[in-house]
Amino acid sequence: MLFLAGFINASGVTLFLTPVNLIDGGISGTSFVFSVLTSGIVPLSVFLLVLNLPFFIVGHKKMGLTFSIYSIFAIAVYSGFAYLFPALFEADGSPLVGNNVFLCSIFGGILSGIGSGLTIRFGGAMDGIEVMAVLFHKKLGISVGTFVMIYNCIIFIFAGIMYRYIRPEAVQEGVTAWELPLYSVVTYMVGIKSVDFVVEGLDKGKSAFIITQKVDEVSQAVSEAFGRGITILDGYGYYSQEEKKVLYIVCNRFELPKLKDIVLKIDSNSFIAIGEISDQVGAKTQFSLKKRK
């Protein structure tokens, strides 16, 4: 699935966006801007690898080694097809819809969003900007979504300046320099909705209420996996007329699939209710199980 995600993402970017000089968000968009600035001497695929890798290497302690490996694999596949497709589909504009910038912005956004969403759903991330946002958003006092949005706005504004004053020859006939960044905003918004559709949530944290008969086993397994505390609440089942324990934990969207997998492997009859939280404020409760004992 990660291989498929990389293939889909590369299809959206290299068959729809880059042929008409539209800009994807995040590090992918930054890579394209750098490629245009070098007049294509350094291909997009090289910048994708060089700019993305440091964030996943630095962020592996927070996000987990498996997450980083999955992400790097997906990005490597994305970069490989981003290098291959332009050679296979040489055309003036998009090989599918020509120079129709609007169609390119829509379908490029859909495909790149699906690729990113699949990567997230199966344990990784397609773009280092998301990891950067997770690492720094609290220090800046803003949400992950706001961080990504501000970053992309800066990229789009710079792209408009680049097309207007630095590389005006890169703008195709019949399109103004500022139209391309504005269409790129359309791509970005369509991409976000595509990611939402695939993974059911983009930037917000997740809260999980877990009702299980194997409280101690689930609590220990989840705590060891994520290195954080779990709140155990007293509950009462009205239908069953029984006392119950309810586990409460906050995690991010990258951890959610792993959380569900751990709980259901231990107790397939457990009940998990997952909700979104817009922000998290306060101390991060982490501990060593050995110290607790």
Protein backbone atom coordinates (compact mmCIF):
# COMPACT_ATOMS: atom_id res chain seq x y z
CA MET A 1 0.00 0.00 0.00
CA LEU A 2 2.89 2.38 0.65
CA PHE A 3 4.25 1.57 -2.81
CA LEU A 4 0.81 2.30 -4.29
CA ALA A 5 0.66 5.55 -2.31
CA GLY A 6 3.98 6.70 -3.74
CA PHE A 7 2.86 5.78 -7.25
CA ILE A 8 -0.44 7.69 -6.92
CA ASN A 9 1.24 10.75 -5.42
CA ALA A 10 3.81 10.83 -8.22
CA SER A 11 1.03 10.47 -10.80
CA GLY A 12 -0.83 13.48 -9.44
CA VAL A 13 2.24 15.69 -9.17
CA THR A 14 4.16 14.80 -12.36
CA LEU A 15 1.24 14.13 -14.73
CA PHE A 16 -0.97 17.05 -13.69
CA LEU A 17 0.80 19.66 -11.55
CA THR A 18 4.40 20.09 -12.68
CA PRO A 19 3.65 19.99 -16.46
CA VAL A 20 1.68 23.23 -16.09
CA ASN A 21 3.92 24.64 -13.32
CA LEU A 22 1.41 24.24 -10.50
CA ILE A 23 2.82 23.85 -7.01
CA ASP A 24 1.96 21.17 -4.51
CA GLY A 25 2.05 22.03 -0.83
CA GLY A 26 4.76 21.25 1.72
CA ILE A 27 8.21 19.93 0.87
CA SER A 28 6.90 18.66 -2.46
CA GLY A 29 6.05 22.23 -3.47
CA THR A 30 9.36 23.50 -2.14
CA SER A 31 11.17 20.87 -4.20
CA PHE A 32 9.38 21.98 -7.35
CA VAL A 33 10.23 25.65 -6.71
CA PHE A 34 13.91 24.76 -6.29
CA SER A 35 13.78 22.66 -9.46
CA VAL A 36 12.34 25.60 -11.41
CA LEU A 37 14.98 27.94 -9.96
CA THR A 38 17.70 25.61 -11.25
CA SER A 39 16.00 25.51 -14.68
CA GLY A 40 15.44 21.79 -14.23
CA ILE A 41 19.16 21.03 -14.03
CA VAL A 42 18.50 19.37 -10.68
CA PRO A 43 15.34 17.25 -11.15
CA LEU A 44 12.36 17.32 -8.82
CA SER A 45 13.05 13.77 -7.60
CA VAL A 46 16.44 14.74 -6.17
CA PHE A 47 15.02 17.64 -4.17
CA LEU A 48 12.20 15.41 -2.90
CA LEU A 49 14.71 13.03 -1.32
CA VAL A 50 17.24 15.60 -0.12
CA LEU A 51 14.68 17.91 1.53
CA ASN A 52 12.43 15.23 3.04
CA LEU A 53 14.95 12.80 4.53
CA PRO A 54 16.35 15.07 7.30
CA PHE A 55 12.92 15.61 8.86
CA PHE A 56 12.18 11.91 9.14
CA ILE A 57 15.66 11.16 10.48
CA VAL A 58 15.37 13.89 13.13
CA GLY A 59 11.76 13.07 13.91
CA HIS A 60 12.12 9.31 14.34
CA LYS A 61 12.51 9.59 18.12
CA LYS A 62 9.14 11.29 18.45
CA MET A 63 7.27 9.50 15.67
CA GLY A 64 8.95 6.09 15.95
CA LEU A 65 11.49 4.23 13.83
CA THR A 66 8.83 2.23 11.98
CA PHE A 67 7.03 5.43 11.02
CA SER A 68 10.25 6.92 9.67
CA ILE A 69 11.13 3.79 7.67
CA TYR A 70 7.64 3.60 6.16
CA SER A 71 7.75 7.29 5.29
CA ILE A 72 11.19 7.14 3.70
CA PHE A 73 10.11 4.11 1.66
CA ALA A 74 6.98 5.90 0.40
CA ILE A 75 8.98 9.03 -0.46
CA ALA A 76 11.60 6.93 -2.27
CA VAL A 77 8.86 5.36 -4.40
CA TYR A 78 7.34 8.80 -5.00
CA SER A 79 10.73 10.20 -6.02
CA GLY A 80 11.45 7.25 -8.29
CA PHE A 81 8.22 7.62 -10.24
CA ALA A 82 8.63 11.41 -10.25
CA TYR A 83 11.91 10.81 -12.09
CA LEU A 84 10.45 8.15 -14.41
CA PHE A 85 7.12 9.67 -15.49
CA PRO A 86 8.47 12.83 -17.22
CA ALA A 87 10.64 10.61 -19.44
CA LEU A 88 7.77 8.27 -20.28
CA PHE A 89 5.15 10.93 -20.90
CA GLU A 90 6.87 13.73 -22.75
CA ALA A 91 4.21 16.26 -23.71
CA ASP A 92 3.49 19.96 -23.88
CA GLY A 93 1.53 20.30 -20.65
CA SER A 94 -0.24 17.45 -18.96
CA PRO A 95 -0.26 14.25 -21.06
CA LEU A 96 -3.91 13.78 -20.05
CA VAL A 97 -5.57 17.22 -20.12
CA GLY A 98 -3.02 19.38 -21.91
CA ASN A 99 -2.67 22.96 -20.63
CA ASN A 100 -6.01 23.09 -18.84
CA VAL A 101 -4.72 24.54 -15.58
CA PHE A 102 -8.02 24.22 -13.75
CA LEU A 103 -8.40 20.49 -14.47
CA CYS A 104 -4.76 19.94 -13.58
CA SER A 105 -5.23 21.71 -10.23
CA ILE A 106 -8.29 19.60 -9.38
CA PHE A 107 -7.08 16.16 -10.42
CA GLY A 108 -3.52 16.78 -9.31
CA GLY A 109 -4.81 17.73 -5.88
CA ILE A 110 -7.08 14.69 -5.68
CA LEU A 111 -4.33 12.22 -6.59
CA SER A 112 -1.64 13.77 -4.42
CA GLY A 113 -4.11 13.88 -1.52
CA ILE A 114 -5.06 10.24 -1.96
CA GLY A 115 -1.38 9.27 -2.06
CA SER A 116 -0.62 11.23 1.10
CA GLY A 117 -3.72 9.87 2.82
CA LEU A 118 -2.85 6.25 2.02
CA THR A 119 0.65 6.78 3.38
CA ILE A 120 -0.75 8.14 6.64
CA ARG A 121 -3.33 5.38 6.91
CA PHE A 122 -0.68 2.69 6.58
CA GLY A 123 1.76 4.12 9.06
CA GLY A 124 3.86 6.83 7.42
CA ALA A 125 3.81 10.30 5.91
CA MET A 126 4.52 11.48 2.38
CA ASP A 127 5.80 14.95 3.24
CA GLY A 128 8.35 16.10 5.81
CA ILE A 129 6.41 19.31 6.48
CA GLU A 130 3.91 17.31 8.53
CA VAL A 131 6.70 15.93 10.70
CA MET A 132 8.16 19.42 11.05
CA ALA A 133 4.74 20.68 12.13
CA VAL A 134 4.36 17.92 14.74
CA LEU A 135 7.83 18.70 16.11
CA PHE A 136 7.52 22.49 16.32
CA HIS A 137 3.87 23.53 16.46
CA LYS A 138 3.67 23.57 20.27
CA LYS A 139 6.84 25.62 20.62
CA LEU A 140 5.30 28.19 18.28
CA GLY A 141 1.93 28.06 20.04
CA ILE A 142 -0.05 27.10 16.93
CA SER A 143 -1.83 24.00 15.71
CA VAL A 144 -0.33 21.55 13.23
CA GLY A 145 -2.83 22.63 10.59
CA THR A 146 -2.00 26.32 11.08
CA PHE A 147 1.73 25.58 10.81
CA VAL A 148 1.26 23.73 7.51
CA MET A 149 -1.05 26.43 6.16
CA ILE A 150 1.40 29.25 6.96
CA TYR A 151 4.26 27.32 5.38
CA ASN A 152 2.28 26.70 2.21
CA CYS A 153 1.15 30.33 1.99
CA ILE A 154 4.80 31.40 2.09
CA ILE A 155 5.64 28.93 -0.69
CA PHE A 156 2.74 30.13 -2.87
CA ILE A 157 3.65 33.80 -2.40
CA PHE A 158 7.29 33.10 -3.21
CA ALA A 159 6.22 31.13 -6.29
CA GLY A 160 4.23 34.12 -7.54
CA ILE A 161 7.27 36.37 -7.10
CA MET A 162 9.46 33.78 -8.81
CA TYR A 163 7.16 33.45 -11.83
CA ARG A 164 6.76 37.23 -12.07
CA TYR A 165 10.34 38.43 -11.63
CA ILE A 166 12.83 35.54 -11.62
CA ARG A 167 11.56 32.89 -14.05
CA PRO A 168 8.80 34.53 -16.16
CA GLU A 169 9.72 32.21 -19.06
CA ALA A 170 8.36 29.27 -16.99
CA VAL A 171 4.82 30.64 -17.23
CA GLN A 172 2.87 29.22 -20.16
CA GLU A 173 1.13 31.50 -22.64
CA GLY A 174 -2.31 32.74 -21.62
CA VAL A 175 -1.65 32.46 -17.86
CA THR A 176 -0.38 35.23 -15.60
CA ALA A 177 2.37 34.76 -13.04
CA TRP A 178 -0.02 35.01 -10.10
CA GLU A 179 -2.64 32.69 -11.55
CA LEU A 180 -0.42 29.67 -11.03
CA PRO A 181 -0.01 30.17 -7.25
CA LEU A 182 -3.75 30.85 -6.95
CA TYR A 183 -4.59 27.66 -8.79
CA SER A 184 -2.05 25.96 -6.53
CA VAL A 185 -4.19 27.03 -3.56
CA VAL A 186 -7.08 25.18 -5.21
CA THR A 187 -4.82 22.14 -5.50
CA TYR A 188 -3.91 22.42 -1.82
CA MET A 189 -7.54 22.64 -0.66
CA VAL A 190 -8.62 19.73 -2.87
CA GLY A 191 -5.67 17.73 -1.56
CA ILE A 192 -6.68 18.35 2.05
CA LYS A 193 -10.20 17.11 1.38
CA SER A 194 -8.79 14.02 -0.32
CA VAL A 195 -6.61 13.27 2.69
CA ASP A 196 -9.62 13.80 4.98
CA PHE A 197 -11.57 11.30 2.91
CA VAL A 198 -8.85 8.66 3.12
CA VAL A 199 -7.75 8.94 6.75
CA GLU A 200 -10.74 10.73 8.36
CA GLY A 201 -8.88 13.68 9.76
CA LEU A 202 -5.79 15.67 8.87
CA ASP A 203 -4.34 17.77 11.64
CA LYS A 204 -6.38 17.23 14.77
CA GLY A 205 -5.28 14.99 17.60
CA LYS A 206 -7.33 11.94 18.48
CA SER A 207 -8.85 10.95 21.79
CA ALA A 208 -9.78 7.33 22.39
CA PHE A 209 -12.12 5.83 24.97
CA ILE A 210 -11.51 2.10 25.32
CA ILE A 211 -13.86 -0.28 27.15
CA THR A 212 -12.31 -3.69 27.65
CA GLN A 213 -12.41 -6.64 30.00
CA LYS A 214 -8.61 -6.89 29.88
CA VAL A 215 -7.80 -3.52 31.43
CA ASP A 216 -4.32 -4.31 32.78
CA GLU A 217 -3.11 -6.06 29.62
CA VAL A 218 -4.36 -3.34 27.29
CA SER A 219 -3.04 -0.54 29.52
CA GLN A 220 0.43 -2.05 29.74
CA ALA A 221 0.65 -2.81 26.02
CA VAL A 222 -0.48 0.68 24.99
CA SER A 223 1.79 2.37 27.55
CA GLU A 224 4.81 0.38 26.38
CA ALA A 225 4.00 1.11 22.73
CA PHE A 226 3.52 4.87 23.08
CA GLY A 227 5.44 5.68 26.28
CA ARG A 228 2.70 7.70 27.90
CA GLY A 229 0.13 7.53 30.64
CA ILE A 230 -3.44 6.29 30.38
CA THR A 231 -6.33 7.58 32.45
CA ILE A 232 -8.56 4.81 33.84
CA LEU A 233 -12.11 5.92 34.58
CA ASP A 234 -14.85 4.14 36.49
CA GLY A 235 -17.89 3.39 34.37
CA TYR A 236 -21.20 1.60 34.59
CA GLY A 237 -22.91 -0.19 31.73
CA TYR A 238 -26.59 0.58 31.80
CA TYR A 239 -27.53 -2.25 29.45
CA SER A 240 -25.30 -4.87 31.07
CA GLN A 241 -25.83 -3.50 34.59
CA GLU A 242 -22.13 -4.07 35.28
CA GLU A 243 -19.26 -2.01 36.61
CA LYS A 244 -16.70 -1.25 33.88
CA LYS A 245 -13.31 0.41 33.47
CA VAL A 246 -12.86 2.97 30.71
CA LEU A 247 -9.38 3.77 29.38
CA TYR A 248 -8.74 7.25 28.00
CA ILE A 249 -5.71 8.17 25.89
CA VAL A 250 -4.77 11.01 23.54
CA CYS A 251 -2.69 10.21 20.47
CA ASN A 252 -1.90 11.71 17.09
CA ARG A 253 -3.23 10.52 13.74
CA PHE A 254 -0.06 8.56 12.98
CA GLU A 255 -0.47 6.49 16.14
CA LEU A 256 -4.17 5.73 15.75
CA PRO A 257 -3.91 2.64 13.48
CA LYS A 258 -1.31 1.12 15.82
CA LEU A 259 -3.51 1.84 18.87
CA LYS A 260 -6.50 0.05 17.36
CA ASP A 261 -4.35 -2.88 16.28
CA ILE A 262 -2.87 -3.34 19.79
CA VAL A 263 -6.22 -3.17 21.59
CA LEU A 264 -8.08 -5.49 19.24
CA LYS A 265 -5.29 -8.07 19.25
CA ILE A 266 -5.51 -8.31 23.04
CA ASP A 267 -9.30 -8.11 23.31
CA SER A 268 -11.26 -8.52 20.08
CA ASN A 269 -14.49 -7.75 22.01
CA SER A 270 -13.29 -4.37 23.22
CA PHE A 271 -15.11 -1.17 22.31
CA ILE A 272 -13.14 1.84 21.04
CA ALA A 273 -14.66 5.29 20.55
CA ILE A 274 -12.42 7.78 18.76
CA GLY A 275 -12.93 11.52 18.64
CA GLU A 276 -11.04 14.58 17.41
CA ILE A 277 -9.47 17.19 19.65
CA SER A 278 -8.48 20.58 18.28
CA ASP A 279 -5.58 21.20 20.67
CA GLN A 280 -3.61 19.78 23.59
CA VAL A 281 -2.37 22.01 26.40
CA GLY A 282 -0.36 21.09 29.48
CA ALA A 283 2.33 18.64 30.50
CA LYS A 284 2.94 15.57 28.42
CA THR A 285 2.61 12.56 30.69
CA GLN A 286 5.31 10.04 29.87
CA PHE A 287 6.92 7.56 32.19
CA SER A 288 8.91 4.37 32.47
CA LEU A 289 6.91 1.30 33.45
CA LYS A 290 9.86 0.07 35.47
CA LYS A 291 9.96 3.30 37.48
CA ARG A 292 6.21 3.11 38.07
CA LYS A 293 6.56 -0.39 39.43
